[in-house]
């Protein structure tokens, strides 16, 4: 019984980090996005991960549209973030260096942010004005 309890307690952090996943699209490009929709999951973001599949990312859903900012504290991977309005339209894209505390902000009120591996958006020709599909409520 003790060993079962120890196993459950040891796996609790891994279970707690499992987030819902959505399939999004940027034109013909499919994205497997983990959803960070509450304060705790948004604060954790992609910290401490050493790798991420090429078409995977994280969709941050904010409670309201505002000039949200992202940073890379304890984030080991170079990432690019697209700030999106209520309709899923890209406002601006910022490239972010790992393990920095530089702020990367939306240029106008954003309701969502989509983090992908560094350079992902540029490599696929996704730029401001492009639309990300599959976001709930858009």
Protein backbone atom coordinates (compact mmCIF):
# COMPACT_ATOMS: atom_id res chain seq x y z
CA UNK A 1 0.00 0.00 0.00
CA UNK A 2 2.84 2.42 0.82
CA UNK A 3 4.52 1.78 -2.50
CA UNK A 4 1.27 2.50 -4.34
CA UNK A 5 0.88 5.77 -2.43
CA UNK A 6 4.49 6.70 -3.15
CA UNK A 7 3.97 5.99 -6.87
CA UNK A 8 0.83 8.15 -6.98
CA UNK A 9 2.54 11.02 -5.14
CA UNK A 10 5.62 10.80 -7.38
CA UNK A 11 3.51 10.99 -10.53
CA UNK A 12 1.27 13.83 -9.26
CA UNK A 13 3.40 16.66 -10.76
CA UNK A 14 3.30 14.97 -14.18
CA UNK A 15 -0.46 14.51 -13.95
CA UNK A 16 -0.97 18.10 -12.84
CA UNK A 17 0.91 19.40 -15.89
CA UNK A 18 -1.30 17.65 -18.43
CA UNK A 19 -3.27 20.37 -20.16
CA UNK A 20 -6.15 20.14 -22.62
CA UNK A 21 -5.06 20.00 -26.26
CA UNK A 22 -6.69 21.65 -29.28
CA UNK A 23 -6.01 21.16 -32.94
CA UNK A 24 -5.53 24.57 -34.51
CA UNK A 25 -4.58 25.53 -38.03
CA UNK A 26 -2.72 28.28 -39.76
CA UNK A 27 -3.93 27.77 -43.31
CA UNK A 28 -2.89 24.25 -44.25
CA UNK A 29 -0.53 23.91 -41.25
CA UNK A 30 -1.94 21.89 -38.36
CA UNK A 31 -0.95 22.79 -34.81
CA UNK A 32 -1.28 20.63 -31.70
CA UNK A 33 -1.70 23.27 -29.00
CA UNK A 34 -1.79 22.71 -25.27
CA UNK A 35 -4.23 25.16 -23.71
CA UNK A 36 -3.19 27.42 -20.84
CA UNK A 37 -6.45 29.06 -19.80
CA UNK A 38 -6.01 29.76 -16.09
CA UNK A 39 -3.50 31.79 -14.10
CA UNK A 40 -1.42 28.79 -12.97
CA UNK A 41 -1.05 27.21 -16.42
CA UNK A 42 -0.32 30.58 -18.05
CA UNK A 43 2.34 31.31 -15.40
CA UNK A 44 3.99 27.90 -15.97
CA UNK A 45 3.74 28.06 -19.76
CA UNK A 46 6.49 26.08 -21.48
CA UNK A 47 9.05 26.46 -18.67
CA UNK A 48 11.63 23.72 -18.13
CA UNK A 49 10.87 21.81 -21.34
CA UNK A 50 13.93 20.69 -23.26
CA UNK A 51 12.14 19.95 -26.55
CA UNK A 52 8.84 20.37 -28.35
CA UNK A 53 7.58 18.66 -31.54
CA UNK A 54 7.73 20.85 -34.65
CA UNK A 55 3.96 21.44 -34.99
CA UNK A 56 3.23 21.65 -31.27
CA UNK A 57 2.78 24.76 -29.18
CA UNK A 58 0.82 26.38 -26.40
CA UNK A 59 -2.25 28.56 -26.73
CA UNK A 60 -2.64 31.09 -23.91
CA UNK A 61 -6.25 32.16 -23.42
CA UNK A 62 -6.58 35.39 -21.47
CA UNK A 63 -9.67 36.44 -19.53
CA UNK A 64 -9.93 39.65 -21.52
CA UNK A 65 -8.29 41.43 -24.42
CA UNK A 66 -5.40 43.57 -23.18
CA UNK A 67 -1.81 44.40 -24.05
CA UNK A 68 -0.47 41.11 -22.67
CA UNK A 69 3.26 40.43 -22.44
CA UNK A 70 5.29 37.20 -22.35
CA UNK A 71 8.77 36.41 -21.06
CA UNK A 72 11.12 33.44 -21.12
CA UNK A 73 12.21 32.99 -17.50
CA UNK A 74 13.13 29.31 -16.99
CA UNK A 75 12.18 28.53 -20.59
CA UNK A 76 14.89 26.46 -22.27
CA UNK A 77 13.67 26.60 -25.89
CA UNK A 78 13.76 29.53 -28.32
CA UNK A 79 10.13 30.37 -29.05
CA UNK A 80 8.10 32.65 -31.27
CA UNK A 81 4.83 34.05 -29.97
CA UNK A 82 1.92 35.27 -32.07
CA UNK A 83 -0.47 37.61 -30.30
CA UNK A 84 -4.04 37.15 -31.56
CA UNK A 85 -7.20 39.22 -31.35
CA UNK A 86 -10.69 37.91 -30.46
CA UNK A 87 -11.13 36.53 -33.99
CA UNK A 88 -7.79 34.66 -34.04
CA UNK A 89 -6.11 37.19 -36.33
CA UNK A 90 -2.38 37.66 -35.77
CA UNK A 91 -1.59 41.10 -34.35
CA UNK A 92 2.19 40.71 -34.14
CA UNK A 93 4.80 37.98 -33.80
CA UNK A 94 7.82 38.20 -31.51
CA UNK A 95 10.88 35.94 -31.41
CA UNK A 96 11.98 35.19 -27.85
CA UNK A 97 15.38 34.03 -26.61
CA UNK A 98 15.56 31.28 -23.96
CA UNK A 99 16.06 32.07 -20.29
CA UNK A 100 15.60 35.82 -20.53
CA UNK A 101 13.28 38.17 -18.71
CA UNK A 102 12.77 40.52 -21.67
CA UNK A 103 9.12 41.46 -22.18
CA UNK A 104 7.50 40.64 -25.53
CA UNK A 105 4.15 42.39 -25.79
CA UNK A 106 1.11 42.58 -28.03
CA UNK A 107 1.06 45.82 -30.05
CA UNK A 108 -2.64 46.22 -29.32
CA UNK A 109 -5.14 44.38 -27.10
CA UNK A 110 -4.86 40.61 -27.59
CA UNK A 111 -7.16 37.84 -26.32
CA UNK A 112 -4.78 34.96 -27.13
CA UNK A 113 -1.09 34.20 -27.55
CA UNK A 114 0.26 31.18 -29.41
CA UNK A 115 3.80 30.06 -28.63
CA UNK A 116 5.58 27.82 -31.12
CA UNK A 117 9.20 26.79 -31.67
CA UNK A 118 11.42 29.71 -32.66
CA UNK A 119 10.97 30.71 -36.31
CA UNK A 120 7.89 28.50 -36.84
CA UNK A 121 5.65 31.33 -38.06
CA UNK A 122 8.27 32.89 -40.36
CA UNK A 123 9.13 29.52 -41.93
CA UNK A 124 5.48 29.10 -42.93
CA UNK A 125 4.85 32.65 -44.12
CA UNK A 126 2.51 33.44 -41.22
CA UNK A 127 2.55 37.15 -40.40
CA UNK A 128 0.33 39.89 -38.96
CA UNK A 129 -3.11 39.67 -40.55
CA UNK A 130 -2.96 35.85 -40.90
CA UNK A 131 -5.67 33.92 -39.09
CA UNK A 132 -5.31 30.99 -36.69
CA UNK A 133 -8.33 28.67 -36.90
CA UNK A 134 -9.78 26.29 -34.35
CA UNK A 135 -9.69 28.62 -31.35
CA UNK A 136 -12.86 28.17 -29.26
CA UNK A 137 -15.20 31.13 -29.54
CA UNK A 138 -13.65 32.62 -32.67
